[in-house]
Amino acid sequence: MIERCVNQKKTMIATYTYDALKLADILVIDVQCDFMKQELGNLRSGHAEMSALEDSFKIIGEKIDPKCLVLIETTVPPGQPSMCLSPYKKGIQ
């Protein structure tokens, strides 16, 4: 896929501008979310810092086409990104 999309067709790009989001058919998101520990060595007392992910979802939800496929890679527990994305979906299936 990378050979075809990047080298041959030149249709895969990385960018830092939000305006490009409205042109995307597929969007790959990779956002680092830090895990904040309350006690050293005790993972049960901590929480994932989700503000960067939530901020990203807000911008993405405003800019992308509802038919855009969104792939999310993050360091938070499974299911958490879906719960954060819900308020920003605006017709996204």
C-alpha atoms as a PDB file:
ATOM      1  CA  MET A   1       0.000   0.000   0.000  1.00  0.00           C
ATOM      2  CA  ILE A   2       2.771   2.449   0.873  1.00  0.00           C
ATOM      3  CA  GLU A   3       4.637   1.699  -2.366  1.00  0.00           C
ATOM      4  CA  ARG A   4       1.492   2.343  -4.417  1.00  0.00           C
ATOM      5  CA  CYS A   5       0.076   5.352  -2.529  1.00  0.00           C
ATOM      6  CA  VAL A   6       3.300   7.152  -1.657  1.00  0.00           C
ATOM      7  CA  ASN A   7       5.776   6.316  -4.413  1.00  0.00           C
ATOM      8  CA  GLN A   8       3.611   5.581  -7.458  1.00  0.00           C
ATOM      9  CA  LYS A   9       0.355   7.517  -7.156  1.00  0.00           C
ATOM     10  CA  LYS A  10       1.602  10.114  -4.660  1.00  0.00           C
ATOM     11  CA  THR A  11      -1.797  10.202  -2.949  1.00  0.00           C
ATOM     12  CA  MET A  12      -0.673   9.656   0.646  1.00  0.00           C
ATOM     13  CA  ILE A  13       0.570  12.745   2.432  1.00  0.00           C
ATOM     14  CA  ALA A  14       1.384  13.883   5.951  1.00  0.00           C
ATOM     15  CA  THR A  15       0.530  17.438   6.868  1.00  0.00           C
ATOM     16  CA  TYR A  16       0.209  19.791   9.804  1.00  0.00           C
ATOM     17  CA  THR A  17      -2.597  21.945   8.381  1.00  0.00           C
ATOM     18  CA  TYR A  18      -6.188  21.305   9.414  1.00  0.00           C
ATOM     19  CA  ASP A  19      -7.605  22.419   6.061  1.00  0.00           C
ATOM     20  CA  ALA A  20      -6.290  19.236   4.421  1.00  0.00           C
ATOM     21  CA  LEU A  21      -8.664  17.175   6.575  1.00  0.00           C
ATOM     22  CA  LYS A  22     -11.655  18.006   4.383  1.00  0.00           C
ATOM     23  CA  LEU A  23      -9.892  16.347   1.411  1.00  0.00           C
ATOM     24  CA  ALA A  24      -9.141  13.055   3.176  1.00  0.00           C
ATOM     25  CA  ASP A  25     -10.758   9.739   2.283  1.00  0.00           C
ATOM     26  CA  ILE A  26      -8.823   7.991   5.062  1.00  0.00           C
ATOM     27  CA  LEU A  27      -7.383   9.655   8.149  1.00  0.00           C
ATOM     28  CA  VAL A  28      -4.790   8.001  10.391  1.00  0.00           C
ATOM     29  CA  ILE A  29      -4.541   9.583  13.831  1.00  0.00           C
ATOM     30  CA  ASP A  30      -1.732   8.900  16.283  1.00  0.00           C
ATOM     31  CA  VAL A  31      -2.003  10.867  19.516  1.00  0.00           C
ATOM     32  CA  GLN A  32       0.148  10.251  22.579  1.00  0.00           C
ATOM     33  CA  CYS A  33      -1.821  10.263  25.833  1.00  0.00           C
ATOM     34  CA  ASP A  34       0.242  10.203  28.996  1.00  0.00           C
ATOM     35  CA  PHE A  35      -0.750   7.986  31.901  1.00  0.00           C
ATOM     36  CA  MET A  36      -0.723   9.972  35.129  1.00  0.00           C
ATOM     37  CA  LYS A  37       0.105   7.803  38.144  1.00  0.00           C
ATOM     38  CA  GLN A  38      -1.146   8.789  41.588  1.00  0.00           C
ATOM     39  CA  GLU A  39       1.201   6.341  43.318  1.00  0.00           C
ATOM     40  CA  LEU A  40       4.504   4.933  42.112  1.00  0.00           C
ATOM     41  CA  GLY A  41       4.016   1.317  40.992  1.00  0.00           C
ATOM     42  CA  ASN A  42       0.223   1.335  41.344  1.00  0.00           C
ATOM     43  CA  LEU A  43      -1.431   1.504  37.903  1.00  0.00           C
ATOM     44  CA  ARG A  44      -4.935   1.233  39.363  1.00  0.00           C
ATOM     45  CA  SER A  45      -4.709   4.653  40.997  1.00  0.00           C
ATOM     46  CA  GLY A  46      -3.832   6.564  37.812  1.00  0.00           C
ATOM     47  CA  HIS A  47      -5.649   7.889  34.763  1.00  0.00           C
ATOM     48  CA  ALA A  48      -4.930   8.643  31.122  1.00  0.00           C
ATOM     49  CA  GLU A  49      -4.563  12.337  30.244  1.00  0.00           C
ATOM     50  CA  MET A  50      -7.077  12.605  27.397  1.00  0.00           C
ATOM     51  CA  SER A  51      -7.087  16.340  26.663  1.00  0.00           C
ATOM     52  CA  ALA A  52      -4.787  16.114  23.603  1.00  0.00           C
ATOM     53  CA  LEU A  53      -6.957  13.352  22.118  1.00  0.00           C
ATOM     54  CA  GLU A  54     -10.186  15.246  22.847  1.00  0.00           C
ATOM     55  CA  ASP A  55      -8.781  18.450  21.321  1.00  0.00           C
ATOM     56  CA  SER A  56      -7.784  16.498  18.196  1.00  0.00           C
ATOM     57  CA  PHE A  57     -11.243  14.947  17.892  1.00  0.00           C
ATOM     58  CA  LYS A  58     -12.920  18.332  18.152  1.00  0.00           C
ATOM     59  CA  ILE A  59     -10.934  19.704  15.197  1.00  0.00           C
ATOM     60  CA  ILE A  60     -11.264  16.506  13.164  1.00  0.00           C
ATOM     61  CA  GLY A  61     -15.030  16.313  13.748  1.00  0.00           C
ATOM     62  CA  GLU A  62     -15.446  19.841  12.385  1.00  0.00           C
ATOM     63  CA  LYS A  63     -13.275  19.346   9.291  1.00  0.00           C
ATOM     64  CA  ILE A  64     -13.627  15.824   7.850  1.00  0.00           C
ATOM     65  CA  ASP A  65     -16.206  14.506   5.425  1.00  0.00           C
ATOM     66  CA  PRO A  66     -18.706  12.195   7.182  1.00  0.00           C
ATOM     67  CA  LYS A  67     -17.659   9.369   4.801  1.00  0.00           C
ATOM     68  CA  CYS A  68     -13.972   9.600   5.791  1.00  0.00           C
ATOM     69  CA  LEU A  69     -12.530   6.443   7.361  1.00  0.00           C
ATOM     70  CA  VAL A  70     -10.782   7.371  10.629  1.00  0.00           C
ATOM     71  CA  LEU A  71      -8.121   5.028  12.056  1.00  0.00           C
ATOM     72  CA  ILE A  72      -7.049   5.826  15.616  1.00  0.00           C
ATOM     73  CA  GLU A  73      -3.836   4.638  17.258  1.00  0.00           C
ATOM     74  CA  THR A  74      -3.322   5.784  20.807  1.00  0.00           C
ATOM     75  CA  THR A  75      -1.936   4.662  24.137  1.00  0.00           C
ATOM     76  CA  VAL A  76      -5.262   4.697  26.007  1.00  0.00           C
ATOM     77  CA  PRO A  77      -7.341   1.612  26.853  1.00  0.00           C
ATOM     78  CA  PRO A  78      -9.547   0.048  24.135  1.00  0.00           C
ATOM     79  CA  GLY A  79     -12.915   1.754  23.785  1.00  0.00           C
ATOM     80  CA  GLN A  80     -11.799   5.037  25.327  1.00  0.00           C
ATOM     81  CA  PRO A  81     -11.241   6.881  22.008  1.00  0.00           C
ATOM     82  CA  SER A  82     -14.770   5.988  20.867  1.00  0.00           C
ATOM     83  CA  MET A  83     -16.234   7.460  24.041  1.00  0.00           C
ATOM     84  CA  CYS A  84     -14.218  10.661  23.561  1.00  0.00           C
ATOM     85  CA  LEU A  85     -15.086  10.941  19.869  1.00  0.00           C
ATOM     86  CA  SER A  86     -18.860  10.688  20.301  1.00  0.00           C
ATOM     87  CA  PRO A  87     -19.545  14.389  21.080  1.00  0.00           C
ATOM     88  CA  TYR A  88     -17.646  15.496  17.948  1.00  0.00           C
ATOM     89  CA  LYS A  89     -18.986  13.071  15.334  1.00  0.00           C
ATOM     90  CA  LYS A  90     -21.534  15.348  13.592  1.00  0.00           C
ATOM     91  CA  GLY A  91     -23.055  12.749  11.303  1.00  0.00           C
ATOM     92  CA  ILE A  92     -19.968  10.529  11.105  1.00  0.00           C
ATOM     93  CA  GLN A  93     -20.932   6.836  10.995  1.00  0.00           C
END
